[in-house]
C-alpha atoms as a PDB file:
ATOM      1  CA  MET A   1      15.611 -18.107   4.837  1.00  0.00           C
ATOM      2  CA  SER A   2      12.767 -16.627   6.894  1.00  0.00           C
ATOM      3  CA  GLU A   3       9.998 -18.768   8.372  1.00  0.00           C
ATOM      4  CA  TYR A   4       7.485 -17.000   6.125  1.00  0.00           C
ATOM      5  CA  ARG A   5       9.224 -17.445   2.769  1.00  0.00           C
ATOM      6  CA  GLU A   6       7.751 -20.917   2.231  1.00  0.00           C
ATOM      7  CA  LEU A   7       4.347 -19.256   1.843  1.00  0.00           C
ATOM      8  CA  LEU A   8       5.571 -16.910  -0.890  1.00  0.00           C
ATOM      9  CA  PRO A   9       4.788 -19.269  -3.830  1.00  0.00           C
ATOM     10  CA  ILE A  10       1.188 -19.557  -2.624  1.00  0.00           C
ATOM     11  CA  ALA A  11       0.901 -15.779  -2.376  1.00  0.00           C
ATOM     12  CA  VAL A  12       2.419 -15.363  -5.843  1.00  0.00           C
ATOM     13  CA  GLU A  13      -0.042 -17.850  -7.355  1.00  0.00           C
ATOM     14  CA  ALA A  14      -2.941 -16.025  -5.720  1.00  0.00           C
ATOM     15  CA  VAL A  15      -1.752 -12.692  -7.097  1.00  0.00           C
ATOM     16  CA  ASN A  16      -1.246 -14.270 -10.550  1.00  0.00           C
ATOM     17  CA  ARG A  17      -4.937 -15.158 -10.568  1.00  0.00           C
ATOM     18  CA  ALA A  18      -5.922 -11.611  -9.663  1.00  0.00           C
ATOM     19  CA  ALA A  19      -3.570  -9.940 -12.146  1.00  0.00           C
ATOM     20  CA  GLU A  20      -4.829 -12.127 -14.989  1.00  0.00           C
ATOM     21  CA  ALA A  21      -8.391 -11.147 -14.152  1.00  0.00           C
ATOM     22  CA  MET A  22      -7.466  -7.460 -14.207  1.00  0.00           C
ATOM     23  CA  ARG A  23      -5.740  -7.784 -17.576  1.00  0.00           C
ATOM     24  CA  HIS A  24      -8.525  -9.712 -19.282  1.00  0.00           C
ATOM     25  CA  ARG A  25     -11.799  -8.691 -17.637  1.00  0.00           C
ATOM     26  CA  SER A  26     -13.717  -5.430 -17.553  1.00  0.00           C
ATOM     27  CA  PRO A  27     -14.566  -3.689 -14.258  1.00  0.00           C
ATOM     28  CA  GLY A  28     -18.243  -4.617 -14.586  1.00  0.00           C
ATOM     29  CA  ALA A  29     -20.947  -2.911 -12.560  1.00  0.00           C
ATOM     30  CA  LEU A  30     -19.936  -0.398  -9.894  1.00  0.00           C
ATOM     31  CA  THR A  31     -21.179  -0.543  -6.294  1.00  0.00           C
ATOM     32  CA  VAL A  32     -21.323   2.807  -4.509  1.00  0.00           C
ATOM     33  CA  LYS A  33     -19.555   2.698  -1.119  1.00  0.00           C
ATOM     34  CA  GLY A  34     -19.984   6.366  -0.262  1.00  0.00           C
ATOM     35  CA  ASP A  35     -19.615   9.843  -1.682  1.00  0.00           C
ATOM     36  CA  ARG A  36     -17.318   9.515  -4.739  1.00  0.00           C
ATOM     37  CA  ASP A  37     -16.219   6.052  -3.576  1.00  0.00           C
ATOM     38  CA  PHE A  38     -17.053   2.758  -5.242  1.00  0.00           C
ATOM     39  CA  ALA A  39     -15.977  -0.832  -5.846  1.00  0.00           C
ATOM     40  CA  SER A  40     -16.180  -2.622  -9.155  1.00  0.00           C
ATOM     41  CA  GLU A  41     -17.759  -5.985  -9.820  1.00  0.00           C
ATOM     42  CA  LEU A  42     -14.266  -7.277 -10.524  1.00  0.00           C
ATOM     43  CA  ASP A  43     -13.044  -6.147  -7.076  1.00  0.00           C
ATOM     44  CA  PHE A  44     -15.622  -8.472  -5.511  1.00  0.00           C
ATOM     45  CA  ALA A  45     -14.915 -11.313  -7.956  1.00  0.00           C
ATOM     46  CA  ILE A  46     -11.151 -11.251  -7.364  1.00  0.00           C
ATOM     47  CA  GLU A  47     -11.574 -11.096  -3.597  1.00  0.00           C
ATOM     48  CA  ARG A  48     -13.962 -14.057  -3.557  1.00  0.00           C
ATOM     49  CA  ASP A  49     -11.677 -16.108  -5.802  1.00  0.00           C
ATOM     50  CA  LEU A  50      -8.570 -15.437  -3.689  1.00  0.00           C
ATOM     51  CA  ARG A  51     -10.437 -16.001  -0.438  1.00  0.00           C
ATOM     52  CA  ALA A  52     -11.474 -19.463  -1.678  1.00  0.00           C
ATOM     53  CA  PHE A  53      -8.027 -20.260  -3.126  1.00  0.00           C
ATOM     54  CA  LEU A  54      -6.104 -19.242  -0.003  1.00  0.00           C
ATOM     55  CA  SER A  55      -8.578 -20.939   2.312  1.00  0.00           C
ATOM     56  CA  ALA A  56      -8.014 -24.205   0.444  1.00  0.00           C
ATOM     57  CA  GLU A  57      -4.204 -23.805   0.343  1.00  0.00           C
ATOM     58  CA  THR A  58      -3.716 -22.474   3.893  1.00  0.00           C
ATOM     59  CA  PRO A  59      -6.829 -23.277   5.959  1.00  0.00           C
ATOM     60  CA  GLU A  60      -5.040 -22.371   9.193  1.00  0.00           C
ATOM     61  CA  ILE A  61      -4.545 -18.743   8.063  1.00  0.00           C
ATOM     62  CA  GLY A  62      -7.344 -16.168   8.265  1.00  0.00           C
ATOM     63  CA  PHE A  63      -8.328 -13.728   5.534  1.00  0.00           C
ATOM     64  CA  LEU A  64      -9.147 -10.020   5.488  1.00  0.00           C
ATOM     65  CA  GLY A  65     -10.379  -8.459   2.260  1.00  0.00           C
ATOM     66  CA  GLU A  66     -11.262  -4.841   1.599  1.00  0.00           C
ATOM     67  CA  GLU A  67     -14.681  -5.599   0.166  1.00  0.00           C
ATOM     68  CA  GLU A  68     -16.099  -8.430   2.295  1.00  0.00           C
ATOM     69  CA  GLY A  69     -14.154  -8.331   5.533  1.00  0.00           C
ATOM     70  CA  PHE A  70     -12.622 -10.913   7.820  1.00  0.00           C
ATOM     71  CA  THR A  71     -12.879 -14.680   8.232  1.00  0.00           C
ATOM     72  CA  GLY A  72     -10.814 -17.261  10.148  1.00  0.00           C
ATOM     73  CA  SER A  73      -7.808 -16.917  12.421  1.00  0.00           C
ATOM     74  CA  THR A  74      -6.870 -13.574  13.951  1.00  0.00           C
ATOM     75  CA  ASP A  75      -3.287 -14.624  14.795  1.00  0.00           C
ATOM     76  CA  MET A  76      -2.153 -14.881  11.191  1.00  0.00           C
ATOM     77  CA  GLN A  77      -4.109 -13.658   8.176  1.00  0.00           C
ATOM     78  CA  TRP A  78      -3.866 -12.894   4.511  1.00  0.00           C
ATOM     79  CA  VAL A  79      -4.764  -9.255   3.814  1.00  0.00           C
ATOM     80  CA  LEU A  80      -5.942  -8.372   0.303  1.00  0.00           C
ATOM     81  CA  ASP A  81      -6.747  -5.285  -1.685  1.00  0.00           C
ATOM     82  CA  PRO A  82      -8.092  -6.909  -4.863  1.00  0.00           C
ATOM     83  CA  ILE A  83      -7.667  -3.754  -6.944  1.00  0.00           C
ATOM     84  CA  ASP A  84      -5.757  -0.932  -5.294  1.00  0.00           C
ATOM     85  CA  GLY A  85      -6.572   2.098  -7.389  1.00  0.00           C
ATOM     86  CA  THR A  86     -10.039   1.067  -8.582  1.00  0.00           C
ATOM     87  CA  ALA A  87     -10.784   4.577  -9.882  1.00  0.00           C
ATOM     88  CA  ASN A  88      -7.649   4.369 -12.057  1.00  0.00           C
ATOM     89  CA  PHE A  89      -8.558   0.851 -13.230  1.00  0.00           C
ATOM     90  CA  VAL A  90     -12.083   1.853 -14.230  1.00  0.00           C
ATOM     91  CA  ARG A  91     -10.690   4.768 -16.287  1.00  0.00           C
ATOM     92  CA  ARG A  92      -8.040   2.516 -17.886  1.00  0.00           C
ATOM     93  CA  LEU A  93      -5.191   4.306 -16.140  1.00  0.00           C
ATOM     94  CA  PRO A  94      -2.367   1.785 -15.591  1.00  0.00           C
ATOM     95  CA  LEU A  95      -1.521   2.935 -12.039  1.00  0.00           C
ATOM     96  CA  CYS A  96      -3.346   0.173 -10.182  1.00  0.00           C
ATOM     97  CA  ALA A  97      -2.281  -2.945  -8.324  1.00  0.00           C
ATOM     98  CA  VAL A  98      -3.125  -6.212  -6.644  1.00  0.00           C
ATOM     99  CA  SER A  99      -1.820  -6.104  -3.070  1.00  0.00           C
ATOM    100  CA  LEU A 100      -1.604  -9.252  -0.913  1.00  0.00           C
ATOM    101  CA  ALA A 101       0.144  -9.445   2.460  1.00  0.00           C
ATOM    102  CA  LEU A 102       0.581 -11.953   5.241  1.00  0.00           C
ATOM    103  CA  VAL A 103       0.129 -10.335   8.652  1.00  0.00           C
ATOM    104  CA  HIS A 104       1.315 -12.134  11.806  1.00  0.00           C
ATOM    105  CA  ARG A 105      -0.393 -10.546  14.784  1.00  0.00           C
ATOM    106  CA  SER A 106       0.032  -6.847  13.929  1.00  0.00           C
ATOM    107  CA  GLU A 107       3.136  -7.100  11.720  1.00  0.00           C
ATOM    108  CA  ALA A 108       3.232  -7.452   7.949  1.00  0.00           C
ATOM    109  CA  VAL A 109       5.720 -10.270   7.283  1.00  0.00           C
ATOM    110  CA  LEU A 110       5.220 -11.126   3.595  1.00  0.00           C
ATOM    111  CA  GLY A 111       3.990  -9.101   0.644  1.00  0.00           C
ATOM    112  CA  VAL A 112       3.278  -9.413  -3.071  1.00  0.00           C
ATOM    113  CA  ILE A 113       2.267  -6.438  -5.211  1.00  0.00           C
ATOM    114  CA  ASP A 114       1.546  -6.793  -8.911  1.00  0.00           C
ATOM    115  CA  LEU A 115       1.109  -3.885 -11.330  1.00  0.00           C
ATOM    116  CA  PRO A 116      -0.656  -5.785 -14.132  1.00  0.00           C
ATOM    117  CA  PHE A 117      -0.426  -3.046 -16.766  1.00  0.00           C
ATOM    118  CA  LEU A 118       3.191  -2.116 -16.024  1.00  0.00           C
ATOM    119  CA  ALA A 119       4.616  -5.670 -16.060  1.00  0.00           C
ATOM    120  CA  SER A 120       6.005  -5.292 -12.533  1.00  0.00           C
ATOM    121  CA  ARG A 121       5.837  -7.777  -9.656  1.00  0.00           C
ATOM    122  CA  TYR A 122       7.241  -6.929  -6.205  1.00  0.00           C
ATOM    123  CA  THR A 123       7.820  -9.538  -3.492  1.00  0.00           C
ATOM    124  CA  ALA A 124       9.279  -9.672  -0.001  1.00  0.00           C
ATOM    125  CA  ALA A 125       9.356 -11.878   3.083  1.00  0.00           C
ATOM    126  CA  LYS A 126      10.598 -10.621   6.431  1.00  0.00           C
ATOM    127  CA  GLY A 127      14.362 -11.100   6.683  1.00  0.00           C
ATOM    128  CA  ASP A 128      14.826 -12.090   3.042  1.00  0.00           C
ATOM    129  CA  GLY A 129      14.986  -8.756   1.204  1.00  0.00           C
ATOM    130  CA  ALA A 130      12.758  -7.384  -1.548  1.00  0.00           C
ATOM    131  CA  ALA A 131      12.659  -8.064  -5.276  1.00  0.00           C
ATOM    132  CA  ALA A 132      11.102  -6.665  -8.439  1.00  0.00           C
ATOM    133  CA  ASN A 133      10.543  -9.259 -11.157  1.00  0.00           C
ATOM    134  CA  GLY A 134      12.949 -11.534  -9.308  1.00  0.00           C
ATOM    135  CA  GLN A 135      15.792  -9.001  -9.029  1.00  0.00           C
ATOM    136  CA  GLU A 136      16.867  -7.567  -5.679  1.00  0.00           C
ATOM    137  CA  ILE A 137      15.847  -3.954  -5.106  1.00  0.00           C
ATOM    138  CA  ARG A 138      16.983  -1.282  -2.664  1.00  0.00           C
ATOM    139  CA  ALA A 139      15.529   2.055  -1.609  1.00  0.00           C
ATOM    140  CA  SER A 140      17.275   5.127  -2.961  1.00  0.00           C
ATOM    141  CA  SER A 141      20.251   6.787  -1.285  1.00  0.00           C
ATOM    142  CA  THR A 142      18.759  10.295  -1.502  1.00  0.00           C
ATOM    143  CA  ARG A 143      19.746  12.339   1.551  1.00  0.00           C
ATOM    144  CA  ASP A 144      18.654  15.876   0.626  1.00  0.00           C
ATOM    145  CA  LEU A 145      14.931  16.637   1.024  1.00  0.00           C
ATOM    146  CA  GLY A 146      15.234  19.221  -1.739  1.00  0.00           C
ATOM    147  CA  MET A 147      16.197  16.406  -4.145  1.00  0.00           C
ATOM    148  CA  ALA A 148      13.417  14.039  -3.065  1.00  0.00           C
ATOM    149  CA  ILE A 149      10.437  12.916  -5.113  1.00  0.00           C
ATOM    150  CA  VAL A 150       7.613  12.252  -2.652  1.00  0.00           C
ATOM    151  CA  ALA A 151       4.247  10.561  -3.169  1.00  0.00           C
ATOM    152  CA  ILE A 152       1.209  11.530  -1.123  1.00  0.00           C
ATOM    153  CA  GLY A 153      -1.980   9.497  -0.849  1.00  0.00           C
ATOM    154  CA  ASP A 154      -5.315  10.506  -2.342  1.00  0.00           C
ATOM    155  CA  TYR A 155      -7.401  13.289  -0.898  1.00  0.00           C
ATOM    156  CA  ALA A 156     -10.337  12.129   1.188  1.00  0.00           C
ATOM    157  CA  VAL A 157     -13.854  11.682  -0.141  1.00  0.00           C
ATOM    158  CA  GLY A 158     -17.081  11.243   1.793  1.00  0.00           C
ATOM    159  CA  SER A 159     -19.281  13.351   4.014  1.00  0.00           C
ATOM    160  CA  ASP A 160     -16.369  14.540   6.202  1.00  0.00           C
ATOM    161  CA  ALA A 161     -13.917  15.049   3.348  1.00  0.00           C
ATOM    162  CA  GLU A 162     -13.547  18.797   3.898  1.00  0.00           C
ATOM    163  CA  ALA A 163     -12.365  18.360   7.485  1.00  0.00           C
ATOM    164  CA  ARG A 164     -10.108  15.402   6.686  1.00  0.00           C
ATOM    165  CA  ASN A 165      -8.542  17.187   3.726  1.00  0.00           C
ATOM    166  CA  ARG A 166      -7.313  20.163   5.749  1.00  0.00           C
ATOM    167  CA  LEU A 167      -4.255  18.163   6.812  1.00  0.00           C
ATOM    168  CA  ARG A 168      -3.778  16.708   3.337  1.00  0.00           C
ATOM    169  CA  LEU A 169      -3.831  20.147   1.756  1.00  0.00           C
ATOM    170  CA  ALA A 170      -1.503  21.571   4.406  1.00  0.00           C
ATOM    171  CA  LEU A 171       0.863  18.650   3.923  1.00  0.00           C
ATOM    172  CA  THR A 172       0.810  19.056   0.146  1.00  0.00           C
ATOM    173  CA  ALA A 173       1.678  22.736   0.531  1.00  0.00           C
ATOM    174  CA  GLN A 174       4.475  21.963   2.985  1.00  0.00           C
ATOM    175  CA  LEU A 175       5.929  19.302   0.702  1.00  0.00           C
ATOM    176  CA  ALA A 176       5.688  21.616  -2.324  1.00  0.00           C
ATOM    177  CA  ALA A 177       7.839  24.114  -0.435  1.00  0.00           C
ATOM    178  CA  GLU A 178      10.482  21.586   0.605  1.00  0.00           C
ATOM    179  CA  VAL A 179      10.890  18.684  -1.854  1.00  0.00           C
ATOM    180  CA  GLN A 180      11.869  18.402  -5.484  1.00  0.00           C
ATOM    181  CA  ARG A 181       8.491  17.080  -6.694  1.00  0.00           C
ATOM    182  CA  VAL A 182       5.185  15.850  -5.203  1.00  0.00           C
ATOM    183  CA  ARG A 183       3.323  12.966  -6.859  1.00  0.00           C
ATOM    184  CA  MET A 184      -0.165  11.508  -6.329  1.00  0.00           C
ATOM    185  CA  THR A 185      -0.575   8.182  -8.147  1.00  0.00           C
ATOM    186  CA  GLY A 186      -3.857   6.976  -6.622  1.00  0.00           C
ATOM    187  CA  SER A 187      -2.417   3.665  -5.401  1.00  0.00           C
ATOM    188  CA  ALA A 188      -0.768   3.304  -1.995  1.00  0.00           C
ATOM    189  CA  ALA A 189       0.606  -0.116  -2.945  1.00  0.00           C
ATOM    190  CA  LEU A 190       2.274   1.309  -6.034  1.00  0.00           C
ATOM    191  CA  ASP A 191       3.745   4.203  -4.020  1.00  0.00           C
ATOM    192  CA  LEU A 192       5.408   1.828  -1.559  1.00  0.00           C
ATOM    193  CA  ALA A 193       6.625  -0.524  -4.299  1.00  0.00           C
ATOM    194  CA  TRP A 194       8.191   2.374  -6.179  1.00  0.00           C
ATOM    195  CA  LEU A 195       9.772   3.615  -2.949  1.00  0.00           C
ATOM    196  CA  ALA A 196      11.287   0.153  -2.469  1.00  0.00           C
ATOM    197  CA  GLU A 197      12.628   0.237  -6.025  1.00  0.00           C
ATOM    198  CA  GLY A 198      14.174   3.689  -5.621  1.00  0.00           C
ATOM    199  CA  ARG A 199      11.804   5.446  -8.035  1.00  0.00           C
ATOM    200  CA  LEU A 200      10.401   7.506  -5.156  1.00  0.00           C
ATOM    201  CA  ASP A 201      12.236   8.744  -2.091  1.00  0.00           C
ATOM    202  CA  ALA A 202       9.278   8.902   0.314  1.00  0.00           C
ATOM    203  CA  ALA A 203       5.574   8.081   0.463  1.00  0.00           C
ATOM    204  CA  LEU A 204       2.961   9.469   2.864  1.00  0.00           C
ATOM    205  CA  THR A 205      -0.520   7.994   3.311  1.00  0.00           C
ATOM    206  CA  LEU A 206      -3.201   9.118   5.751  1.00  0.00           C
ATOM    207  CA  SER A 207      -6.397   7.259   6.777  1.00  0.00           C
ATOM    208  CA  ASN A 208      -4.666   3.889   6.541  1.00  0.00           C
ATOM    209  CA  HIS A 209      -6.294   0.505   6.119  1.00  0.00           C
ATOM    210  CA  ALA A 210      -4.369  -2.757   6.427  1.00  0.00           C
ATOM    211  CA  TRP A 211      -5.324  -3.894   2.923  1.00  0.00           C
ATOM    212  CA  ASP A 212      -3.900  -0.687   1.419  1.00  0.00           C
ATOM    213  CA  MET A 213      -0.587  -0.740   3.244  1.00  0.00           C
ATOM    214  CA  ALA A 214       0.508  -4.137   4.585  1.00  0.00           C
ATOM    215  CA  ALA A 215       2.141  -5.624   1.478  1.00  0.00           C
ATOM    216  CA  GLY A 216       3.873  -2.379   0.581  1.00  0.00           C
ATOM    217  CA  VAL A 217       5.138  -1.884   4.116  1.00  0.00           C
ATOM    218  CA  VAL A 218       7.026  -5.194   4.228  1.00  0.00           C
ATOM    219  CA  ILE A 219       8.371  -4.703   0.687  1.00  0.00           C
ATOM    220  CA  ALA A 220       9.581  -1.183   1.527  1.00  0.00           C
ATOM    221  CA  ARG A 221      11.183  -2.320   4.786  1.00  0.00           C
ATOM    222  CA  GLU A 222      12.953  -5.226   3.151  1.00  0.00           C
ATOM    223  CA  SER A 223      14.369  -2.816   0.556  1.00  0.00           C
ATOM    224  CA  GLY A 224      15.992  -0.811   3.372  1.00  0.00           C
ATOM    225  CA  ALA A 225      13.378   1.948   3.733  1.00  0.00           C
ATOM    226  CA  ALA A 226      12.145   3.198   7.097  1.00  0.00           C
ATOM    227  CA  VAL A 227       8.389   2.887   7.709  1.00  0.00           C
ATOM    228  CA  ILE A 228       6.990   4.741  10.718  1.00  0.00           C
ATOM    229  CA  ASP A 229       3.768   6.348  11.915  1.00  0.00           C
ATOM    230  CA  GLN A 230       2.934   9.942  12.832  1.00  0.00           C
ATOM    231  CA  ASP A 231       4.567   9.516  16.240  1.00  0.00           C
ATOM    232  CA  GLY A 232       7.823   8.212  14.799  1.00  0.00           C
ATOM    233  CA  ALA A 233       7.127   4.674  16.072  1.00  0.00           C
ATOM    234  CA  ASP A 234       7.453   1.571  13.898  1.00  0.00           C
ATOM    235  CA  HIS A 235       4.422   1.254  11.654  1.00  0.00           C
ATOM    236  CA  ASP A 236       2.020  -1.649  12.189  1.00  0.00           C
ATOM    237  CA  VAL A 237      -1.440  -2.540  10.875  1.00  0.00           C
ATOM    238  CA  SER A 238      -3.156  -0.315  13.448  1.00  0.00           C
ATOM    239  CA  SER A 239      -1.183   2.823  12.533  1.00  0.00           C
ATOM    240  CA  ALA A 240      -3.235   5.820  11.400  1.00  0.00           C
ATOM    241  CA  VAL A 241      -0.494   7.247   9.174  1.00  0.00           C
ATOM    242  CA  THR A 242       2.138   5.593   6.993  1.00  0.00           C
ATOM    243  CA  LEU A 243       5.332   7.588   6.566  1.00  0.00           C
ATOM    244  CA  ALA A 244       7.844   5.643   4.479  1.00  0.00           C
ATOM    245  CA  ALA A 245      11.158   7.024   3.299  1.00  0.00           C
ATOM    246  CA  THR A 246      14.790   6.325   2.714  1.00  0.00           C
ATOM    247  CA  PRO A 247      16.487   6.108   6.139  1.00  0.00           C
ATOM    248  CA  ALA A 248      18.318   9.383   5.581  1.00  0.00           C
ATOM    249  CA  LEU A 249      15.053  11.243   4.920  1.00  0.00           C
ATOM    250  CA  ALA A 250      12.768   9.683   7.522  1.00  0.00           C
ATOM    251  CA  GLY A 251      13.478  12.291  10.217  1.00  0.00           C
ATOM    252  CA  ALA A 252      13.031  15.195   7.820  1.00  0.00           C
ATOM    253  CA  MET A 253       9.791  13.756   6.464  1.00  0.00           C
ATOM    254  CA  LEU A 254       8.436  13.299   9.990  1.00  0.00           C
ATOM    255  CA  ALA A 255       9.314  16.923  10.741  1.00  0.00           C
ATOM    256  CA  THR A 256       7.513  18.026   7.578  1.00  0.00           C
ATOM    257  CA  TYR A 257       4.423  16.060   8.567  1.00  0.00           C
ATOM    258  CA  ARG A 258       4.436  17.548  12.074  1.00  0.00           C
ATOM    259  CA  LYS A 259       4.916  21.066  10.727  1.00  0.00           C
ATOM    260  CA  ALA A 260       1.843  20.671   8.518  1.00  0.00           C
ATOM    261  CA  ALA A 261      -0.173  19.012  11.289  1.00  0.00           C
ATOM    262  CA  SER A 262       0.598  21.880  13.672  1.00  0.00           C
ATOM    263  CA  THR A 263      -1.273  24.304  11.412  1.00  0.00           C
ATOM    264  CA  VAL A 264      -4.625  22.458  11.302  1.00  0.00           C
ATOM    265  CA  GLU A 265      -6.981  20.416  13.438  1.00  0.00           C
ATOM    266  CA  VAL A 266      -5.988  16.864  12.535  1.00  0.00           C
ATOM    267  CA  VAL A 267      -8.873  14.664  11.346  1.00  0.00           C
ATOM    268  CA  GLN A 268      -7.539  11.416   9.881  1.00  0.00           C
END
């Protein structure tokens, strides 16, 4: 048993609270964060509730939330995306998630992802494997890029979206030429959970934030997937790119990314 697993029940209870709120409460008022980007009233409510709950349960552990930032210890911290896929949630699309991770220094060591409208809960602690609804899961055994189903993260929005999307569009085109199918779900947490479960064979996300990626990274790794950055190094919370894939496809996916990046000026 890993040294982090004893904190898993606390993380699960926190995510239960968030998932129940998503199932039973409306998004509420929207707060504009930028061009075509927003947070819902429920995003803020869930984050505040989990910040208070986790502070009471684990006062020695810091907290980083997408909406209201960082408090407490920097050595070890909970990292939360209260609703990953807010645009989907607001439109009643079921591809949205609660994503909670424990990060020790720069490494994600525990993760819980709940898909409230798909009845799926993913958990992992470093060294203990990954599970979906309590059953062990493993990444797929796909070895041929031409047979791979690959998820790519959302296109950028905001004032510099055109420049940032040049790489995304080039990467989409490169993937379309090489893989079986390309998917864009709108939730990075869901992409990594489905990779861990073998539903996807690879997932690429640019413009990373810790709250988007940390829980999914540890779940994917514990399922046997490789998770690296654009340089081929092990991914951590400071990585600019998340490239996650079955071990047999990781090298080919990195080559695909580099081929696309070589055709454009890269703006993350």
